[in-house]
Amino acid sequence: MKKNNLDKSNMRDVIIKSAEQLRVGLDLAKNVKAEGVFKNIVICGVGGSALPADILSSLMSPSVPVCIHRNYDLPAVADEDSLIICISYSGNTEEVISGLNQALNRHLSTIVISSGGKAEEISKKNNVPFVKIPSGIQPRSATGYIFSALAKVLANSKMINDLSEDILDTASKLDKINSELEKEGKNFSKKLVKKIPLVYSSDAFKSVAKIWKIKFNENSKIPSFHNFFPELNHNEMVGLLRGWHHALEYIRKEPDKAAQIMAKHEHVDKSEFGKEMHAIELLGVQRNRELLLGEPPAVASSVEAVQRALLDRGLINIGTDTAALLDTSLLAGIAQ
């Protein structure tokens, strides 16, 4: 497909062919395996080359512990009972090459996944099982190749169940919904203009949230951050709620004034909001499940409006994007 000025890396075509990556990765790794019985798996990789290992670890539980090593040399857990898998898309990642050389010096069972480079040279010289994946794209865009190849070599080595049928089924489904996904992506991107994406997920999908964050950073060249529930409830959420706390404090102290400010700001009658303002003052946010979780959440919409008004008037200097948070479990968490 012809490149254009807005897509100099031809990223659109790479994304559309993601399903094909899954099929190709499986095929390239079909005969690659390690012989032996292993007590743990050490996967050496950094950047985009390590992302597939994160996904696989989240997707299923191998029969032995898995260590994803994003550094030089090998981790302390690596020993003669370990299966070492070195992943470097370019084949020249110095951290991974360091781990590979150390594994060979210690005569540890090793498999290499790469598109070439030093990793391929070292593997051929030392008869190391090697999966050569296609080159020519960014490592972060080769997730399909690496993921399916990694899953296949682990299955061949009897470390996990064979996921080949599931992977092929996923590839077929992606082929069918590519156009729909592209349309959704374009619509979603319009909502992110001049914003910093915060990508939140459940614990089970934290590796996917991390990939979203990295794609924003490296593809879109914008700041982005990720976290996962329930961990973020104990730290990051405190910062996000600061704007809410400021607005709620003002509402509690001055319910009539808050309703008046909000009504004027929203161009509606004060009486529409007065009852809600007093309810907040009397019941308190923590106990007011009905107001928090109603349809629509009355407190949420009220605080949002007051917050905007207070920000406009310079009465508070920080706000929270309440609308963006309503799709999470935040309100339910507050109401506990």
Protein backbone atom coordinates (compact mmCIF):
# COMPACT_ATOMS: atom_id res chain seq x y z
CA MET A 1 0.00 0.00 0.00
CA LYS A 2 1.30 3.48 -0.89
CA LYS A 3 2.54 5.56 2.02
CA ASN A 4 1.24 9.06 2.67
CA ASN A 5 2.59 12.14 4.42
CA LEU A 6 0.60 11.44 7.58
CA ASP A 7 1.66 7.79 7.79
CA LYS A 8 5.29 7.71 6.77
CA SER A 9 5.89 4.39 8.50
CA ASN A 10 2.90 2.82 6.74
CA MET A 11 1.49 2.02 10.18
CA ARG A 12 -2.08 1.65 8.95
CA ASP A 13 -1.14 -1.20 6.64
CA VAL A 14 0.85 -2.88 9.44
CA ILE A 15 -2.12 -2.68 11.80
CA ILE A 16 -4.55 -4.03 9.22
CA LYS A 17 -2.25 -7.03 8.69
CA SER A 18 -2.02 -7.81 12.42
CA ALA A 19 -4.09 -10.97 11.99
CA GLU A 20 -1.65 -12.28 9.40
CA GLN A 21 1.19 -11.81 11.89
CA LEU A 22 -0.49 -14.27 14.24
CA ARG A 23 -0.69 -16.92 11.54
CA VAL A 24 2.87 -16.36 10.32
CA GLY A 25 4.36 -16.47 13.81
CA LEU A 26 2.73 -19.84 14.50
CA ASP A 27 3.98 -21.31 11.25
CA LEU A 28 7.56 -20.09 11.70
CA ALA A 29 7.79 -21.60 15.18
CA LYS A 30 6.02 -24.89 14.47
CA ASN A 31 9.18 -27.01 14.66
CA VAL A 32 11.12 -25.08 17.29
CA LYS A 33 11.34 -26.38 20.86
CA ALA A 34 13.59 -27.04 23.81
CA GLU A 35 14.18 -30.51 25.17
CA GLY A 36 14.08 -31.14 28.88
CA VAL A 37 12.11 -30.58 32.07
CA PHE A 38 12.24 -27.04 33.39
CA LYS A 39 11.32 -25.51 36.74
CA ASN A 40 10.99 -21.95 35.50
CA ILE A 41 10.96 -19.82 32.35
CA VAL A 42 13.11 -16.70 31.93
CA ILE A 43 12.12 -14.44 29.03
CA CYS A 44 14.74 -11.80 28.17
CA GLY A 45 13.46 -8.80 26.24
CA VAL A 46 13.03 -5.04 26.42
CA GLY A 47 10.69 -2.54 24.81
CA GLY A 48 8.31 -3.86 22.18
CA SER A 49 10.02 -7.25 22.13
CA ALA A 50 8.95 -7.94 25.72
CA LEU A 51 5.29 -6.94 25.33
CA PRO A 52 4.13 -10.31 23.93
CA ALA A 53 5.55 -12.02 27.01
CA ASP A 54 3.42 -9.75 29.20
CA ILE A 55 0.31 -10.65 27.23
CA LEU A 56 1.01 -14.37 27.37
CA SER A 57 1.64 -14.25 31.12
CA SER A 58 -1.70 -12.49 31.64
CA LEU A 59 -3.55 -14.80 29.29
CA MET A 60 -2.68 -18.08 30.94
CA SER A 61 -0.81 -19.63 33.83
CA PRO A 62 2.16 -21.75 32.76
CA SER A 63 2.99 -24.86 34.75
CA VAL A 64 6.09 -23.14 36.19
CA PRO A 65 6.99 -19.58 37.29
CA VAL A 66 7.78 -17.04 34.55
CA CYS A 67 10.30 -14.21 34.93
CA ILE A 68 10.25 -11.44 32.31
CA HIS A 69 13.72 -9.91 32.47
CA ARG A 70 14.14 -6.38 31.10
CA ASN A 71 17.82 -5.87 31.82
CA TYR A 72 21.34 -6.99 31.04
CA ASP A 73 22.67 -10.49 31.81
CA LEU A 74 20.30 -13.00 33.46
CA PRO A 75 18.21 -12.67 36.62
CA ALA A 76 19.15 -14.48 39.82
CA VAL A 77 16.45 -17.11 39.27
CA ALA A 78 18.13 -18.40 36.10
CA ASP A 79 19.87 -21.74 36.67
CA GLU A 80 20.35 -25.15 35.08
CA ASP A 81 16.64 -25.89 35.53
CA SER A 82 15.54 -22.78 33.60
CA LEU A 83 14.35 -22.42 30.03
CA ILE A 84 15.79 -19.15 28.68
CA ILE A 85 13.95 -17.44 25.84
CA CYS A 86 15.72 -14.43 24.33
CA ILE A 87 13.55 -12.09 22.24
CA SER A 88 14.97 -9.20 20.23
CA TYR A 89 13.07 -8.07 17.16
CA SER A 90 16.10 -6.40 15.61
CA GLY A 91 18.46 -9.08 16.88
CA ASN A 92 20.85 -6.41 18.15
CA THR A 93 19.33 -5.35 21.47
CA GLU A 94 22.35 -5.21 23.75
CA GLU A 95 20.49 -6.20 26.91
CA VAL A 96 19.14 -9.33 25.24
CA ILE A 97 22.46 -10.21 23.59
CA SER A 98 24.06 -9.90 27.03
CA GLY A 99 21.57 -12.40 28.48
CA LEU A 100 21.97 -14.74 25.50
CA ASN A 101 25.75 -14.84 25.83
CA GLN A 102 25.51 -15.48 29.55
CA ALA A 103 23.01 -18.31 28.99
CA LEU A 104 25.35 -19.94 26.49
CA ASN A 105 28.38 -19.53 28.75
CA ARG A 106 26.45 -21.28 31.51
CA HIS A 107 25.17 -24.00 29.13
CA LEU A 108 21.49 -23.22 29.85
CA SER A 109 18.68 -24.39 27.55
CA THR A 110 17.89 -21.45 25.30
CA ILE A 111 15.54 -20.45 22.47
CA VAL A 112 15.89 -17.24 20.43
CA ILE A 113 13.18 -15.29 18.59
CA SER A 114 14.41 -12.51 16.29
CA SER A 115 14.35 -11.11 12.76
CA GLY A 116 18.12 -11.49 12.39
CA GLY A 117 21.12 -9.47 13.56
CA LYS A 118 23.60 -10.66 16.19
CA ALA A 119 20.99 -12.89 17.78
CA GLU A 120 20.70 -14.95 14.60
CA GLU A 121 24.49 -15.12 14.15
CA ILE A 122 25.05 -16.30 17.72
CA SER A 123 22.20 -18.82 17.49
CA LYS A 124 23.49 -20.39 14.29
CA LYS A 125 27.05 -20.54 15.60
CA ASN A 126 25.95 -22.30 18.78
CA ASN A 127 23.10 -24.43 17.36
CA VAL A 128 20.51 -22.63 19.46
CA PRO A 129 16.84 -23.23 18.48
CA PHE A 130 15.90 -20.11 16.53
CA VAL A 131 12.66 -18.58 15.21
CA LYS A 132 13.30 -16.03 12.48
CA ILE A 133 10.39 -13.62 12.14
CA PRO A 134 9.93 -11.05 9.32
CA SER A 135 11.84 -7.78 9.57
CA GLY A 136 11.08 -4.28 8.32
CA ILE A 137 8.67 -2.87 10.92
CA GLN A 138 8.94 -1.34 14.37
CA PRO A 139 9.38 -3.84 17.25
CA ARG A 140 6.24 -2.52 18.94
CA SER A 141 4.34 -3.36 15.74
CA ALA A 142 5.57 -6.95 15.64
CA THR A 143 3.54 -8.10 18.63
CA GLY A 144 1.59 -10.65 16.59
CA TYR A 145 4.69 -12.35 15.19
CA ILE A 146 6.42 -12.56 18.57
CA PHE A 147 3.35 -13.51 20.61
CA SER A 148 2.29 -16.42 18.43
CA ALA A 149 5.88 -17.63 18.00
CA LEU A 150 6.45 -17.48 21.75
CA ALA A 151 3.20 -19.32 22.47
CA LYS A 152 4.10 -22.02 19.95
CA VAL A 153 7.66 -22.69 21.19
CA LEU A 154 6.41 -22.91 24.78
CA ALA A 155 3.70 -25.35 23.72
CA ASN A 156 6.22 -27.37 21.70
CA SER A 157 8.42 -27.48 24.80
CA LYS A 158 5.42 -28.68 26.84
CA MET A 159 5.45 -25.64 29.11
CA ILE A 160 1.91 -24.45 28.25
CA ASN A 161 -1.16 -25.78 26.48
CA ASP A 162 -1.15 -25.33 22.72
CA LEU A 163 -3.00 -22.10 21.86
CA SER A 164 -2.74 -22.51 18.09
CA GLU A 165 -6.46 -23.02 17.45
CA ASP A 166 -7.40 -20.06 19.65
CA ILE A 167 -4.82 -17.85 17.96
CA LEU A 168 -5.98 -18.81 14.48
CA ASP A 169 -9.60 -18.22 15.48
CA THR A 170 -8.67 -14.78 16.79
CA ALA A 171 -6.89 -13.98 13.52
CA SER A 172 -9.99 -14.93 11.52
CA LYS A 173 -12.18 -12.74 13.68
CA LEU A 174 -9.80 -9.79 13.31
CA ASP A 175 -9.93 -10.14 9.54
CA LYS A 176 -13.72 -9.81 9.64
CA ILE A 177 -13.91 -6.76 11.89
CA ASN A 178 -10.91 -4.75 10.65
CA SER A 179 -13.04 -2.07 9.01
CA GLU A 180 -15.26 -1.74 12.06
CA LEU A 181 -12.26 -1.44 14.38
CA GLU A 182 -10.66 1.19 12.16
CA LYS A 183 -13.85 3.26 12.23
CA GLU A 184 -14.05 2.99 16.03
CA GLY A 185 -10.40 3.97 16.29
CA LYS A 186 -10.89 7.10 14.20
CA ASN A 187 -13.89 8.18 16.24
CA PHE A 188 -12.06 7.53 19.49
CA SER A 189 -8.99 9.45 18.37
CA LYS A 190 -11.06 12.62 17.95
CA LYS A 191 -11.87 12.52 21.66
CA LEU A 192 -8.18 12.49 22.56
CA VAL A 193 -7.13 15.72 20.87
CA LYS A 194 -5.13 17.88 23.34
CA LYS A 195 -5.60 15.29 26.08
CA ILE A 196 -3.30 12.95 27.98
CA PRO A 197 -4.75 9.41 27.90
CA LEU A 198 -4.94 7.51 31.19
CA VAL A 199 -5.46 3.84 30.36
CA TYR A 200 -7.07 1.85 33.17
CA SER A 201 -7.94 -1.83 33.21
CA SER A 202 -8.63 -4.78 35.45
CA ASP A 203 -5.67 -6.76 36.75
CA ALA A 204 -6.29 -9.42 34.10
CA PHE A 205 -5.80 -6.90 31.27
CA LYS A 206 -3.03 -4.76 32.73
CA SER A 207 -0.59 -5.90 30.04
CA VAL A 208 -3.02 -4.69 27.36
CA ALA A 209 -3.37 -1.34 29.14
CA LYS A 210 0.41 -1.06 29.13
CA ILE A 211 0.49 -1.70 25.38
CA TRP A 212 -2.11 1.04 24.80
CA LYS A 213 0.05 3.44 26.81
CA ILE A 214 3.16 2.54 24.83
CA LYS A 215 1.35 2.90 21.50
CA PHE A 216 0.28 6.41 22.49
CA ASN A 217 3.85 7.24 23.50
CA GLU A 218 5.70 5.79 20.52
CA ASN A 219 3.18 5.98 17.69
CA SER A 220 1.32 9.18 18.54
CA LYS A 221 4.27 10.85 20.31
CA ILE A 222 2.14 12.01 23.25
CA PRO A 223 2.34 11.43 27.02
CA SER A 224 0.19 8.60 28.33
CA PHE A 225 0.01 6.57 31.52
CA HIS A 226 -1.56 3.29 32.59
CA ASN A 227 -2.62 1.57 35.79
CA PHE A 228 -4.98 -1.19 36.87
CA PHE A 229 -7.72 -1.94 39.40
CA PRO A 230 -7.74 -2.49 42.31
CA GLU A 231 -4.17 -1.22 42.77
CA LEU A 232 -4.89 2.29 41.47
CA ASN A 233 -7.68 2.73 44.03
CA HIS A 234 -4.95 2.93 46.68
CA ASN A 235 -2.78 5.60 45.06
CA GLU A 236 -3.48 7.19 41.69
CA MET A 237 -7.19 7.67 42.29
CA VAL A 238 -6.39 10.01 45.17
CA GLY A 239 -4.82 12.44 42.75
CA LEU A 240 -7.65 12.18 40.24
CA LEU A 241 -10.25 12.90 42.89
CA ARG A 242 -8.59 16.08 44.08
CA GLY A 243 -10.71 18.25 41.80
CA TRP A 244 -13.81 16.45 43.01
CA HIS A 245 -12.82 17.00 46.64
CA HIS A 246 -12.39 20.74 46.05
CA ALA A 247 -15.78 21.03 44.40
CA LEU A 248 -17.50 18.87 47.03
CA GLU A 249 -15.99 20.89 49.85
CA TYR A 250 -17.39 24.07 48.33
CA ILE A 251 -20.79 22.39 47.90
CA ARG A 252 -20.87 21.27 51.53
CA LYS A 253 -19.93 24.68 52.89
CA GLU A 254 -22.08 26.77 50.56
CA PRO A 255 -24.86 24.61 49.07
CA ASP A 256 -27.08 27.54 48.12
CA LYS A 257 -24.26 29.48 46.48
CA ALA A 258 -23.03 26.36 44.73
CA ALA A 259 -26.48 25.71 43.28
CA GLN A 260 -26.73 29.34 42.20
CA ILE A 261 -23.32 29.29 40.50
CA MET A 262 -24.09 26.01 38.79
CA ALA A 263 -27.55 27.09 37.62
CA LYS A 264 -26.12 30.28 36.14
CA HIS A 265 -23.26 28.43 34.50
CA GLU A 266 -25.57 25.78 33.02
CA HIS A 267 -28.31 28.30 32.12
CA VAL A 268 -31.00 26.54 34.12
CA ASP A 269 -33.15 27.32 37.14
CA LYS A 270 -31.50 27.06 40.57
CA SER A 271 -34.33 24.89 41.92
CA GLU A 272 -33.22 22.03 39.67
CA PHE A 273 -30.04 21.65 41.69
CA GLY A 274 -30.85 22.93 45.17
CA LYS A 275 -32.17 19.61 46.47
CA GLU A 276 -29.08 17.77 45.33
CA MET A 277 -26.77 20.32 46.94
CA HIS A 278 -28.43 19.95 50.34
CA ALA A 279 -28.56 16.17 50.01
CA ILE A 280 -24.79 16.15 49.61
CA GLU A 281 -24.39 18.33 52.67
CA LEU A 282 -26.74 16.26 54.84
CA LEU A 283 -25.88 12.71 53.84
CA GLY A 284 -22.25 12.92 52.79
CA VAL A 285 -20.82 11.45 49.60
CA GLN A 286 -19.58 8.20 51.11
CA ARG A 287 -23.06 7.12 52.21
CA ASN A 288 -25.16 8.54 49.45
CA ARG A 289 -25.33 5.53 47.15
CA GLU A 290 -28.63 6.58 45.62
CA LEU A 291 -27.29 9.92 44.42
CA LEU A 292 -23.95 8.46 43.34
CA LEU A 293 -25.23 5.49 41.43
CA GLY A 294 -28.59 6.67 40.17
CA GLU A 295 -29.45 6.95 36.50
CA PRO A 296 -27.90 9.35 35.71
CA PRO A 297 -25.61 9.74 38.76
CA ALA A 298 -27.00 12.96 40.22
CA VAL A 299 -24.05 13.83 42.40
CA ALA A 300 -21.61 13.13 39.60
CA SER A 301 -23.37 15.48 37.20
CA SER A 302 -23.81 18.13 39.87
CA VAL A 303 -20.21 18.10 40.99
CA GLU A 304 -19.07 18.18 37.38
CA ALA A 305 -21.07 21.33 36.72
CA VAL A 306 -19.95 23.04 39.93
CA GLN A 307 -16.37 22.09 39.25
CA ARG A 308 -16.48 23.68 35.80
CA ALA A 309 -18.00 26.82 37.21
CA LEU A 310 -15.46 27.09 40.04
CA LEU A 311 -12.59 26.53 37.63
CA ASP A 312 -13.90 29.24 35.30
CA ARG A 313 -14.07 31.67 38.21
CA GLY A 314 -10.64 30.79 39.54
CA LEU A 315 -12.04 29.53 42.86
CA ILE A 316 -10.23 26.19 42.45
CA ASN A 317 -7.17 25.49 40.32
CA ILE A 318 -7.48 21.79 39.52
CA GLY A 319 -10.27 19.69 38.07
CA THR A 320 -11.12 16.07 37.29
CA ASP A 321 -12.57 14.86 33.99
CA THR A 322 -15.65 13.35 35.63
CA ALA A 323 -17.25 12.27 32.38
CA ALA A 324 -14.22 10.17 31.50
CA LEU A 325 -14.33 8.48 34.88
CA LEU A 326 -18.00 7.52 34.83
CA ASP A 327 -17.26 4.47 32.66
CA THR A 328 -15.06 2.94 35.38
CA SER A 329 -15.90 1.51 38.78
CA LEU A 330 -14.94 4.79 40.43
CA LEU A 331 -18.44 5.80 41.54
CA ALA A 332 -19.17 2.36 42.91
CA GLY A 333 -15.90 2.47 44.82
CA ILE A 334 -16.70 5.86 46.34
CA ALA A 335 -20.14 4.69 47.36
CA GLN A 336 -18.91 1.66 49.29
